[in-house]
N, C-alpha and C. Protein backbone atom coordinates (compact mmCIF):
# COMPACT_ATOMS: atom_id res chain seq x y z
N MET A 1 -15.31 -14.30 -11.18
CA MET A 1 -15.07 -15.67 -11.64
C MET A 1 -13.64 -15.87 -11.97
N VAL A 2 -13.09 -16.99 -11.53
CA VAL A 2 -11.70 -17.33 -11.85
C VAL A 2 -11.64 -18.16 -13.09
N ARG A 3 -10.86 -17.78 -14.03
CA ARG A 3 -10.74 -18.52 -15.23
C ARG A 3 -9.35 -19.10 -15.37
N ASN A 4 -9.20 -20.09 -16.23
CA ASN A 4 -7.88 -20.66 -16.51
C ASN A 4 -7.18 -19.78 -17.52
N ALA A 5 -6.71 -18.67 -17.11
CA ALA A 5 -6.00 -17.73 -17.98
C ALA A 5 -4.50 -18.00 -17.84
N ARG A 6 -3.74 -17.51 -18.78
CA ARG A 6 -2.31 -17.62 -18.69
C ARG A 6 -1.82 -16.96 -17.40
N LEU A 7 -0.88 -17.57 -16.76
CA LEU A 7 -0.36 -17.01 -15.49
C LEU A 7 0.29 -15.65 -15.72
N LEU A 8 1.02 -15.52 -16.83
CA LEU A 8 1.67 -14.23 -17.07
C LEU A 8 0.83 -13.36 -18.05
N ASN A 9 -0.35 -13.07 -17.58
CA ASN A 9 -1.20 -12.11 -18.31
C ASN A 9 -0.83 -10.70 -17.81
N LEU A 10 -1.34 -9.66 -18.50
CA LEU A 10 -0.93 -8.26 -18.17
C LEU A 10 -1.26 -7.90 -16.73
N PRO A 11 -2.45 -8.22 -16.20
CA PRO A 11 -2.68 -7.85 -14.77
C PRO A 11 -1.67 -8.48 -13.80
N ASN A 12 -1.30 -9.74 -14.04
CA ASN A 12 -0.32 -10.39 -13.15
C ASN A 12 1.09 -9.79 -13.34
N ILE A 13 1.40 -9.40 -14.55
CA ILE A 13 2.70 -8.78 -14.84
C ILE A 13 2.77 -7.40 -14.12
N LEU A 14 1.64 -6.65 -14.11
CA LEU A 14 1.58 -5.39 -13.37
C LEU A 14 1.77 -5.65 -11.90
N THR A 15 1.16 -6.69 -11.37
CA THR A 15 1.29 -7.02 -9.96
C THR A 15 2.73 -7.37 -9.61
N LEU A 16 3.42 -8.14 -10.51
CA LEU A 16 4.78 -8.54 -10.29
C LEU A 16 5.71 -7.33 -10.40
N SER A 17 5.33 -6.35 -11.22
CA SER A 17 6.13 -5.12 -11.35
C SER A 17 6.06 -4.36 -10.03
N ARG A 18 4.93 -4.41 -9.34
CA ARG A 18 4.80 -3.76 -8.04
C ARG A 18 5.74 -4.41 -7.01
N ILE A 19 5.88 -5.73 -7.09
CA ILE A 19 6.82 -6.40 -6.21
C ILE A 19 8.27 -6.00 -6.58
N ALA A 20 8.53 -5.91 -7.88
CA ALA A 20 9.86 -5.56 -8.37
C ALA A 20 10.25 -4.14 -7.94
N ALA A 21 9.22 -3.31 -7.70
CA ALA A 21 9.46 -1.92 -7.32
C ALA A 21 10.00 -1.81 -5.90
N VAL A 22 9.73 -2.83 -5.08
CA VAL A 22 10.16 -2.79 -3.62
C VAL A 22 11.66 -2.57 -3.48
N PRO A 23 12.53 -3.38 -4.06
CA PRO A 23 13.96 -3.18 -3.88
C PRO A 23 14.43 -1.86 -4.43
N ILE A 24 13.74 -1.33 -5.44
CA ILE A 24 14.16 0.00 -6.04
C ILE A 24 13.92 1.07 -5.01
N VAL A 25 12.73 1.06 -4.41
CA VAL A 25 12.35 2.06 -3.39
C VAL A 25 13.33 1.94 -2.22
N VAL A 26 13.60 0.73 -1.75
CA VAL A 26 14.46 0.49 -0.60
C VAL A 26 15.92 1.03 -0.92
N LEU A 27 16.42 0.72 -2.06
CA LEU A 27 17.77 1.16 -2.48
C LEU A 27 17.88 2.68 -2.53
N LEU A 28 16.87 3.28 -3.14
CA LEU A 28 16.91 4.76 -3.25
C LEU A 28 16.88 5.39 -1.86
N LEU A 29 16.15 4.83 -0.89
CA LEU A 29 16.05 5.39 0.42
C LEU A 29 17.27 5.07 1.28
N LEU A 30 17.98 3.99 0.94
CA LEU A 30 19.23 3.66 1.63
C LEU A 30 20.26 4.78 1.37
N PHE A 31 20.20 5.38 0.18
CA PHE A 31 21.14 6.45 -0.17
C PHE A 31 20.32 7.76 -0.27
N GLU A 32 19.70 8.10 0.86
CA GLU A 32 18.74 9.22 0.93
C GLU A 32 19.37 10.51 0.48
N SER A 33 18.64 11.19 -0.43
CA SER A 33 18.93 12.52 -0.84
C SER A 33 17.66 13.13 -1.41
N LYS A 34 17.63 14.41 -1.64
CA LYS A 34 16.42 15.00 -2.19
C LYS A 34 16.00 14.38 -3.52
N GLU A 35 16.97 14.15 -4.37
CA GLU A 35 16.73 13.56 -5.68
C GLU A 35 16.29 12.12 -5.58
N ASN A 36 16.95 11.35 -4.72
CA ASN A 36 16.58 9.93 -4.54
C ASN A 36 15.19 9.80 -3.91
N CYS A 37 14.84 10.68 -3.02
CA CYS A 37 13.54 10.68 -2.41
C CYS A 37 12.43 10.98 -3.47
N PHE A 38 12.76 11.89 -4.37
CA PHE A 38 11.85 12.20 -5.49
C PHE A 38 11.61 10.98 -6.33
N TRP A 39 12.72 10.31 -6.70
CA TRP A 39 12.56 9.08 -7.56
C TRP A 39 11.92 7.95 -6.85
N ALA A 40 12.17 7.83 -5.54
CA ALA A 40 11.48 6.79 -4.74
C ALA A 40 9.98 7.03 -4.74
N ALA A 41 9.62 8.30 -4.58
CA ALA A 41 8.20 8.67 -4.66
C ALA A 41 7.58 8.41 -5.97
N ALA A 42 8.36 8.66 -7.04
CA ALA A 42 7.87 8.44 -8.45
C ALA A 42 7.62 6.94 -8.64
N VAL A 43 8.57 6.13 -8.22
CA VAL A 43 8.45 4.68 -8.39
C VAL A 43 7.25 4.13 -7.55
N PHE A 44 7.14 4.65 -6.34
CA PHE A 44 6.05 4.24 -5.49
C PHE A 44 4.71 4.69 -6.03
N SER A 45 4.65 5.85 -6.64
CA SER A 45 3.42 6.34 -7.31
C SER A 45 2.98 5.47 -8.43
N VAL A 46 3.91 5.07 -9.30
CA VAL A 46 3.59 4.17 -10.40
C VAL A 46 3.09 2.84 -9.90
N ALA A 47 3.78 2.36 -8.84
CA ALA A 47 3.39 1.06 -8.27
C ALA A 47 1.98 1.18 -7.68
N SER A 48 1.65 2.28 -7.07
CA SER A 48 0.25 2.52 -6.50
C SER A 48 -0.79 2.54 -7.58
N ILE A 49 -0.44 3.10 -8.74
CA ILE A 49 -1.38 3.09 -9.90
C ILE A 49 -1.63 1.72 -10.36
N THR A 50 -0.56 0.86 -10.42
CA THR A 50 -0.72 -0.54 -10.87
C THR A 50 -1.65 -1.29 -9.92
N ASP A 51 -1.71 -0.90 -8.66
CA ASP A 51 -2.56 -1.54 -7.68
C ASP A 51 -4.01 -1.49 -8.12
N TRP A 52 -4.43 -0.37 -8.64
CA TRP A 52 -5.78 -0.19 -9.18
C TRP A 52 -5.94 -0.84 -10.58
N LEU A 53 -4.91 -0.62 -11.39
CA LEU A 53 -4.99 -0.99 -12.80
C LEU A 53 -5.04 -2.49 -13.00
N ASP A 54 -4.24 -3.29 -12.22
CA ASP A 54 -4.21 -4.71 -12.45
C ASP A 54 -5.55 -5.37 -12.13
N GLY A 55 -6.21 -4.91 -11.05
CA GLY A 55 -7.52 -5.47 -10.70
C GLY A 55 -8.60 -5.06 -11.72
N TYR A 56 -8.52 -3.85 -12.15
CA TYR A 56 -9.54 -3.32 -13.13
C TYR A 56 -9.40 -4.14 -14.45
N LEU A 57 -8.14 -4.34 -14.95
CA LEU A 57 -8.00 -5.09 -16.22
C LEU A 57 -8.38 -6.54 -16.04
N ALA A 58 -8.00 -7.14 -14.92
CA ALA A 58 -8.31 -8.56 -14.70
C ALA A 58 -9.86 -8.78 -14.73
N ARG A 59 -10.63 -7.84 -14.08
CA ARG A 59 -12.11 -7.98 -14.08
C ARG A 59 -12.66 -7.66 -15.47
N LYS A 60 -12.13 -6.62 -16.08
CA LYS A 60 -12.67 -6.25 -17.37
C LYS A 60 -12.47 -7.30 -18.45
N TRP A 61 -11.29 -7.88 -18.45
CA TRP A 61 -10.97 -8.87 -19.44
C TRP A 61 -11.35 -10.32 -19.02
N GLY A 62 -11.83 -10.46 -17.84
CA GLY A 62 -12.25 -11.79 -17.34
C GLY A 62 -11.09 -12.72 -17.16
N ILE A 63 -9.96 -12.22 -16.73
CA ILE A 63 -8.75 -13.11 -16.56
C ILE A 63 -8.25 -13.11 -15.15
N VAL A 64 -9.19 -13.12 -14.21
CA VAL A 64 -8.82 -13.21 -12.80
C VAL A 64 -8.23 -14.63 -12.55
N THR A 65 -7.08 -14.71 -11.95
CA THR A 65 -6.45 -15.99 -11.69
C THR A 65 -6.20 -16.21 -10.20
N ILE A 66 -6.03 -17.44 -9.79
CA ILE A 66 -5.68 -17.73 -8.41
C ILE A 66 -4.33 -17.09 -8.04
N LEU A 67 -3.40 -17.09 -8.97
CA LEU A 67 -2.09 -16.45 -8.72
C LEU A 67 -2.26 -14.97 -8.50
N GLY A 68 -3.08 -14.32 -9.33
CA GLY A 68 -3.38 -12.90 -9.19
C GLY A 68 -4.00 -12.57 -7.88
N LYS A 69 -4.97 -13.40 -7.44
CA LYS A 69 -5.64 -13.18 -6.19
C LYS A 69 -4.74 -13.30 -4.98
N PHE A 70 -3.68 -14.15 -5.15
CA PHE A 70 -2.68 -14.34 -4.09
C PHE A 70 -1.65 -13.16 -4.11
N LEU A 71 -1.14 -12.81 -5.29
CA LEU A 71 -0.09 -11.88 -5.40
C LEU A 71 -0.54 -10.43 -5.15
N ASP A 72 -1.78 -10.08 -5.59
CA ASP A 72 -2.18 -8.70 -5.45
C ASP A 72 -2.12 -8.11 -4.05
N PRO A 73 -2.75 -8.76 -3.01
CA PRO A 73 -2.65 -8.24 -1.68
C PRO A 73 -1.23 -8.33 -1.14
N LEU A 74 -0.49 -9.38 -1.55
CA LEU A 74 0.89 -9.54 -1.10
C LEU A 74 1.73 -8.35 -1.59
N ALA A 75 1.59 -7.99 -2.88
CA ALA A 75 2.33 -6.88 -3.50
C ALA A 75 2.01 -5.58 -2.77
N ASP A 76 0.71 -5.35 -2.45
CA ASP A 76 0.35 -4.14 -1.70
C ASP A 76 1.07 -4.03 -0.40
N LYS A 77 1.02 -5.14 0.34
CA LYS A 77 1.63 -5.16 1.70
C LYS A 77 3.10 -4.95 1.62
N LEU A 78 3.78 -5.59 0.67
CA LEU A 78 5.21 -5.51 0.53
C LEU A 78 5.70 -4.10 0.22
N ILE A 79 5.02 -3.42 -0.76
CA ILE A 79 5.45 -2.10 -1.12
C ILE A 79 5.21 -1.08 -0.04
N VAL A 80 4.01 -1.18 0.59
CA VAL A 80 3.68 -0.23 1.70
C VAL A 80 4.57 -0.44 2.89
N MET A 81 4.77 -1.69 3.36
CA MET A 81 5.49 -1.95 4.53
C MET A 81 7.03 -1.66 4.30
N ALA A 82 7.52 -1.94 3.10
CA ALA A 82 8.92 -1.64 2.83
C ALA A 82 9.19 -0.16 2.88
N ALA A 83 8.27 0.64 2.27
CA ALA A 83 8.45 2.06 2.30
C ALA A 83 8.36 2.62 3.73
N LEU A 84 7.39 2.14 4.51
CA LEU A 84 7.20 2.64 5.92
C LEU A 84 8.38 2.25 6.76
N ILE A 85 8.88 1.02 6.64
CA ILE A 85 10.02 0.58 7.43
C ILE A 85 11.28 1.40 7.09
N MET A 86 11.46 1.73 5.80
CA MET A 86 12.58 2.53 5.42
C MET A 86 12.49 3.98 5.88
N LEU A 87 11.23 4.43 6.09
CA LEU A 87 11.05 5.79 6.57
C LEU A 87 11.33 5.98 8.08
N ILE A 88 11.36 4.84 8.83
CA ILE A 88 11.61 4.95 10.27
C ILE A 88 13.02 5.51 10.59
N PRO A 89 14.08 4.94 10.06
CA PRO A 89 15.41 5.49 10.40
C PRO A 89 15.67 6.91 9.83
N LEU A 90 14.80 7.32 8.86
CA LEU A 90 14.93 8.69 8.32
C LEU A 90 14.13 9.68 9.22
N ASP A 91 13.51 9.11 10.28
CA ASP A 91 12.78 9.90 11.23
C ASP A 91 11.60 10.63 10.60
N ARG A 92 10.92 9.93 9.67
CA ARG A 92 9.76 10.54 9.01
C ARG A 92 8.43 9.95 9.50
N VAL A 93 8.49 8.76 10.09
CA VAL A 93 7.28 8.17 10.73
C VAL A 93 7.66 7.55 12.04
N PRO A 94 6.81 7.59 13.08
CA PRO A 94 7.14 6.93 14.31
C PRO A 94 7.10 5.43 14.22
N ALA A 95 8.07 4.76 14.82
CA ALA A 95 8.16 3.28 14.74
C ALA A 95 6.90 2.67 15.32
N TRP A 96 6.30 3.18 16.42
CA TRP A 96 5.14 2.58 17.01
C TRP A 96 3.96 2.54 16.02
N ALA A 97 3.84 3.55 15.24
CA ALA A 97 2.72 3.65 14.27
C ALA A 97 2.89 2.58 13.19
N VAL A 98 4.12 2.41 12.71
CA VAL A 98 4.42 1.37 11.69
C VAL A 98 4.13 -0.02 12.32
N LEU A 99 4.45 -0.18 13.59
CA LEU A 99 4.17 -1.49 14.27
C LEU A 99 2.71 -1.76 14.36
N VAL A 100 1.90 -0.71 14.59
CA VAL A 100 0.42 -0.85 14.63
C VAL A 100 -0.08 -1.29 13.29
N ILE A 101 0.42 -0.66 12.19
CA ILE A 101 -0.02 -0.95 10.88
C ILE A 101 0.38 -2.40 10.50
N LEU A 102 1.61 -2.78 10.78
CA LEU A 102 2.12 -4.13 10.46
C LEU A 102 1.27 -5.17 11.25
N SER A 103 1.02 -4.88 12.53
CA SER A 103 0.25 -5.77 13.39
C SER A 103 -1.17 -6.00 12.80
N ARG A 104 -1.77 -4.91 12.37
CA ARG A 104 -3.15 -4.98 11.81
C ARG A 104 -3.13 -5.86 10.58
N GLU A 105 -2.10 -5.69 9.69
CA GLU A 105 -2.05 -6.48 8.47
C GLU A 105 -1.87 -7.96 8.78
N LEU A 106 -1.05 -8.28 9.77
CA LEU A 106 -0.84 -9.66 10.12
C LEU A 106 -2.10 -10.30 10.76
N ILE A 107 -2.76 -9.54 11.62
CA ILE A 107 -3.98 -10.06 12.27
C ILE A 107 -5.07 -10.28 11.22
N VAL A 108 -5.26 -9.32 10.35
CA VAL A 108 -6.30 -9.48 9.29
C VAL A 108 -5.97 -10.63 8.37
N SER A 109 -4.67 -10.77 8.00
CA SER A 109 -4.31 -11.92 7.17
C SER A 109 -4.57 -13.27 7.86
N GLY A 110 -4.29 -13.28 9.15
CA GLY A 110 -4.58 -14.50 9.92
C GLY A 110 -6.08 -14.83 9.96
N ILE A 111 -6.87 -13.78 10.19
CA ILE A 111 -8.36 -13.96 10.23
C ILE A 111 -8.84 -14.45 8.89
N ARG A 112 -8.35 -13.87 7.80
CA ARG A 112 -8.76 -14.35 6.45
C ARG A 112 -8.36 -15.76 6.23
N SER A 113 -7.20 -16.16 6.70
CA SER A 113 -6.77 -17.59 6.54
C SER A 113 -7.65 -18.55 7.28
N ILE A 114 -8.03 -18.19 8.51
CA ILE A 114 -8.91 -19.05 9.32
C ILE A 114 -10.28 -19.12 8.61
N ALA A 115 -10.82 -17.96 8.18
CA ALA A 115 -12.11 -17.97 7.59
C ALA A 115 -12.10 -18.73 6.29
N SER A 116 -11.04 -18.59 5.49
CA SER A 116 -10.91 -19.26 4.21
C SER A 116 -10.86 -20.80 4.41
N ALA A 117 -10.10 -21.20 5.48
CA ALA A 117 -10.04 -22.67 5.78
C ALA A 117 -11.39 -23.23 6.09
N GLU A 118 -12.30 -22.41 6.61
CA GLU A 118 -13.65 -22.81 6.93
C GLU A 118 -14.65 -22.62 5.79
N GLY A 119 -14.11 -22.18 4.65
CA GLY A 119 -14.94 -21.90 3.47
C GLY A 119 -15.82 -20.66 3.61
N ILE A 120 -15.36 -19.73 4.47
CA ILE A 120 -16.11 -18.50 4.74
C ILE A 120 -15.37 -17.31 4.12
N VAL A 121 -16.11 -16.47 3.45
CA VAL A 121 -15.51 -15.21 2.91
C VAL A 121 -16.05 -14.03 3.74
N ILE A 122 -15.19 -13.28 4.39
CA ILE A 122 -15.62 -12.13 5.14
C ILE A 122 -15.47 -10.91 4.22
N ALA A 123 -16.58 -10.30 3.89
CA ALA A 123 -16.60 -9.19 2.94
C ALA A 123 -15.77 -8.01 3.50
N ALA A 124 -14.90 -7.48 2.63
CA ALA A 124 -14.15 -6.33 3.04
C ALA A 124 -15.03 -5.09 2.96
N SER A 125 -14.84 -4.15 3.91
CA SER A 125 -15.64 -2.93 3.89
C SER A 125 -14.89 -1.86 3.08
N ASN A 126 -15.55 -0.77 2.85
CA ASN A 126 -14.95 0.39 2.20
C ASN A 126 -13.86 1.00 3.04
N LEU A 127 -13.90 0.73 4.36
CA LEU A 127 -12.88 1.32 5.23
C LEU A 127 -11.49 0.87 4.80
N GLY A 128 -11.34 -0.40 4.41
CA GLY A 128 -10.07 -0.94 3.97
C GLY A 128 -9.59 -0.21 2.68
N LYS A 129 -10.53 0.10 1.77
CA LYS A 129 -10.14 0.82 0.54
C LYS A 129 -9.71 2.23 0.87
N TYR A 130 -10.43 2.92 1.73
CA TYR A 130 -10.06 4.29 2.12
C TYR A 130 -8.73 4.25 2.83
N LYS A 131 -8.51 3.21 3.68
CA LYS A 131 -7.22 3.13 4.38
C LYS A 131 -6.06 3.03 3.41
N THR A 132 -6.23 2.20 2.36
CA THR A 132 -5.18 2.01 1.36
C THR A 132 -4.93 3.31 0.62
N ILE A 133 -6.01 4.02 0.24
CA ILE A 133 -5.83 5.23 -0.56
C ILE A 133 -5.05 6.32 0.29
N PHE A 134 -5.51 6.51 1.54
CA PHE A 134 -4.81 7.49 2.42
C PHE A 134 -3.39 7.04 2.67
N GLN A 135 -3.18 5.76 2.87
CA GLN A 135 -1.84 5.27 3.14
C GLN A 135 -0.88 5.55 2.03
N MET A 136 -1.32 5.24 0.79
CA MET A 136 -0.45 5.39 -0.33
C MET A 136 -0.16 6.87 -0.65
N ILE A 137 -1.13 7.74 -0.54
CA ILE A 137 -0.95 9.16 -0.75
C ILE A 137 -0.03 9.76 0.34
N ALA A 138 -0.25 9.28 1.61
CA ALA A 138 0.59 9.72 2.71
C ALA A 138 2.06 9.32 2.45
N ILE A 139 2.28 8.09 2.01
CA ILE A 139 3.64 7.61 1.83
C ILE A 139 4.33 8.40 0.74
N ILE A 140 3.59 8.74 -0.30
CA ILE A 140 4.18 9.61 -1.37
C ILE A 140 4.67 10.90 -0.81
N GLY A 141 3.81 11.59 0.01
CA GLY A 141 4.22 12.79 0.68
C GLY A 141 5.43 12.63 1.56
N LEU A 142 5.44 11.55 2.32
CA LEU A 142 6.55 11.30 3.24
C LEU A 142 7.84 10.93 2.50
N LEU A 143 7.71 10.28 1.38
CA LEU A 143 8.90 9.99 0.54
C LEU A 143 9.44 11.26 -0.08
N LEU A 144 8.59 12.14 -0.55
CA LEU A 144 9.02 13.43 -1.12
C LEU A 144 9.71 14.28 -0.04
N HIS A 145 9.02 14.41 1.14
CA HIS A 145 9.56 14.97 2.37
C HIS A 145 9.92 16.46 2.25
N TYR A 146 10.72 16.82 1.33
CA TYR A 146 11.31 18.14 1.23
C TYR A 146 10.33 19.14 0.63
N ASN A 147 10.73 20.44 0.77
CA ASN A 147 10.06 21.48 -0.05
C ASN A 147 10.61 21.39 -1.45
N TYR A 148 9.72 21.38 -2.44
CA TYR A 148 10.16 21.31 -3.85
C TYR A 148 9.84 22.58 -4.58
N TYR A 149 10.07 23.72 -3.90
CA TYR A 149 9.85 25.03 -4.56
C TYR A 149 10.81 25.17 -5.74
N TRP A 150 12.07 24.79 -5.53
CA TRP A 150 13.01 24.76 -6.58
C TRP A 150 13.52 23.33 -6.69
N PHE A 151 13.48 22.78 -7.91
CA PHE A 151 13.93 21.40 -8.12
C PHE A 151 14.42 21.26 -9.53
N PHE A 152 15.60 20.69 -9.71
CA PHE A 152 16.24 20.55 -11.00
C PHE A 152 16.32 21.88 -11.68
N GLY A 153 16.52 22.98 -10.90
CA GLY A 153 16.67 24.29 -11.46
C GLY A 153 15.36 24.93 -11.97
N VAL A 154 14.23 24.30 -11.71
CA VAL A 154 12.93 24.79 -12.14
C VAL A 154 12.11 25.20 -10.93
N GLN A 155 11.35 26.26 -10.99
CA GLN A 155 10.55 26.71 -9.90
C GLN A 155 9.12 26.09 -10.01
N PHE A 156 8.71 25.42 -8.91
CA PHE A 156 7.38 24.81 -8.85
C PHE A 156 6.58 25.45 -7.74
N ASP A 157 5.84 26.52 -8.04
CA ASP A 157 5.09 27.24 -7.05
C ASP A 157 4.05 26.35 -6.34
N PHE A 158 3.42 25.45 -7.10
CA PHE A 158 2.33 24.63 -6.53
C PHE A 158 2.85 23.57 -5.51
N LEU A 159 4.16 23.36 -5.54
CA LEU A 159 4.72 22.38 -4.54
C LEU A 159 5.43 23.07 -3.36
N TYR A 160 5.06 24.35 -3.13
CA TYR A 160 5.73 25.09 -2.06
C TYR A 160 5.52 24.49 -0.66
N PRO A 161 4.33 24.01 -0.31
CA PRO A 161 4.13 23.49 1.05
C PRO A 161 5.05 22.29 1.33
N SER A 162 5.38 22.06 2.57
CA SER A 162 6.24 20.95 2.98
C SER A 162 5.51 19.63 2.64
N MET A 163 6.17 18.79 1.85
CA MET A 163 5.59 17.49 1.50
C MET A 163 5.49 16.62 2.75
N HIS A 164 6.44 16.81 3.69
CA HIS A 164 6.44 15.99 4.87
C HIS A 164 5.20 16.28 5.72
N ASN A 165 4.91 17.57 5.93
CA ASN A 165 3.76 17.93 6.76
C ASN A 165 2.45 17.38 6.18
N THR A 166 2.36 17.47 4.86
CA THR A 166 1.17 16.95 4.20
C THR A 166 1.07 15.46 4.36
N GLY A 167 2.25 14.78 4.14
CA GLY A 167 2.29 13.36 4.25
C GLY A 167 1.96 12.84 5.66
N ILE A 168 2.52 13.50 6.68
CA ILE A 168 2.31 13.00 8.05
C ILE A 168 0.89 13.26 8.52
N PHE A 169 0.23 14.33 8.02
CA PHE A 169 -1.18 14.56 8.32
C PHE A 169 -2.02 13.41 7.74
N LEU A 170 -1.76 13.09 6.49
CA LEU A 170 -2.54 11.98 5.83
C LEU A 170 -2.19 10.64 6.44
N PHE A 171 -0.92 10.47 6.92
CA PHE A 171 -0.51 9.26 7.54
C PHE A 171 -1.31 8.98 8.80
N TYR A 172 -1.55 10.00 9.66
CA TYR A 172 -2.28 9.78 10.86
C TYR A 172 -3.77 9.47 10.54
N ILE A 173 -4.32 10.09 9.45
CA ILE A 173 -5.68 9.72 9.05
C ILE A 173 -5.70 8.25 8.65
N SER A 174 -4.71 7.83 7.89
CA SER A 174 -4.62 6.45 7.46
C SER A 174 -4.47 5.47 8.60
N LEU A 175 -3.76 5.97 9.67
CA LEU A 175 -3.52 5.13 10.85
C LEU A 175 -4.89 4.91 11.58
N VAL A 176 -5.66 5.94 11.74
CA VAL A 176 -6.99 5.81 12.34
C VAL A 176 -7.86 4.84 11.48
N LEU A 177 -7.83 4.99 10.18
CA LEU A 177 -8.60 4.08 9.30
C LEU A 177 -8.06 2.62 9.38
N THR A 178 -6.73 2.51 9.55
CA THR A 178 -6.12 1.16 9.68
C THR A 178 -6.68 0.48 10.93
N ILE A 179 -6.68 1.19 12.03
CA ILE A 179 -7.20 0.59 13.30
C ILE A 179 -8.68 0.30 13.18
N TRP A 180 -9.44 1.23 12.64
CA TRP A 180 -10.86 1.13 12.56
C TRP A 180 -11.25 -0.03 11.64
N SER A 181 -10.61 -0.14 10.47
CA SER A 181 -10.95 -1.28 9.58
C SER A 181 -10.53 -2.58 10.14
N GLY A 182 -9.42 -2.60 10.89
CA GLY A 182 -8.99 -3.86 11.52
C GLY A 182 -10.01 -4.32 12.59
N VAL A 183 -10.50 -3.39 13.43
CA VAL A 183 -11.50 -3.68 14.40
C VAL A 183 -12.78 -4.16 13.73
N ASP A 184 -13.15 -3.47 12.64
CA ASP A 184 -14.35 -3.87 11.88
C ASP A 184 -14.26 -5.29 11.34
N TYR A 185 -13.08 -5.61 10.85
CA TYR A 185 -12.84 -6.98 10.30
C TYR A 185 -12.96 -8.02 11.41
N PHE A 186 -12.35 -7.68 12.59
CA PHE A 186 -12.36 -8.62 13.72
C PHE A 186 -13.79 -8.79 14.22
N VAL A 187 -14.60 -7.74 14.29
CA VAL A 187 -16.01 -7.82 14.74
C VAL A 187 -16.79 -8.75 13.78
N LYS A 188 -16.59 -8.57 12.49
CA LYS A 188 -17.27 -9.39 11.53
C LYS A 188 -16.92 -10.85 11.72
N PHE A 189 -15.62 -11.15 11.88
CA PHE A 189 -15.11 -12.49 12.14
C PHE A 189 -15.70 -13.06 13.38
N PHE A 190 -15.73 -12.32 14.47
CA PHE A 190 -16.28 -12.78 15.76
C PHE A 190 -17.77 -13.13 15.63
N LYS A 191 -18.52 -12.26 14.92
CA LYS A 191 -19.96 -12.49 14.74
C LYS A 191 -20.22 -13.83 14.02
N ILE A 192 -19.39 -14.05 13.00
CA ILE A 192 -19.58 -15.30 12.20
C ILE A 192 -19.24 -16.56 13.03
N PHE A 193 -18.11 -16.50 13.76
CA PHE A 193 -17.63 -17.65 14.45
C PHE A 193 -18.22 -17.84 15.85
N ALA A 194 -18.90 -16.80 16.31
CA ALA A 194 -19.55 -16.92 17.66
C ALA A 194 -20.87 -17.59 17.57
N LYS A 195 -21.35 -17.81 16.31
CA LYS A 195 -22.71 -18.41 16.14
C LYS A 195 -22.68 -19.91 16.54
């Protein structure tokens, strides 16, 4: 239920902080180094947590707003696409895969707009949620990229495996889920509008 809550409530502030994180991640990756990649991953991780937290608090406190419903998916797309686009020139993700992900997001947004204009809500499947989870964890691995066995003069045995290899493995899983969830959304749309 949407209530007339203050626009700048805590859930909306968390969503806006996710948007504010975008230029920080971009700037850190523009001056790529092991340390900057670590901090970009840290900022992205905090932003990813706010993705879950803002929705949880809005529902729990009953302060879901129209602004929040608009900003939340926008913030998700901005932070994910900014990170992926910045990873292309660093040769950490293939450009064609990022194009597929961006195309899926634009197509699904278009479908949602058409359905919304007709007063129809197409229920999102769990595929979309799994896609987002895998995407965000993959991006964190790709941002970290390096081996962090030694970092800041401290030995981290549990971080010995290559973060890049872990990230790219999860990235391709998220890519499959991205395509699958996009097709699923299109099929639901076609079934509704083909009647």
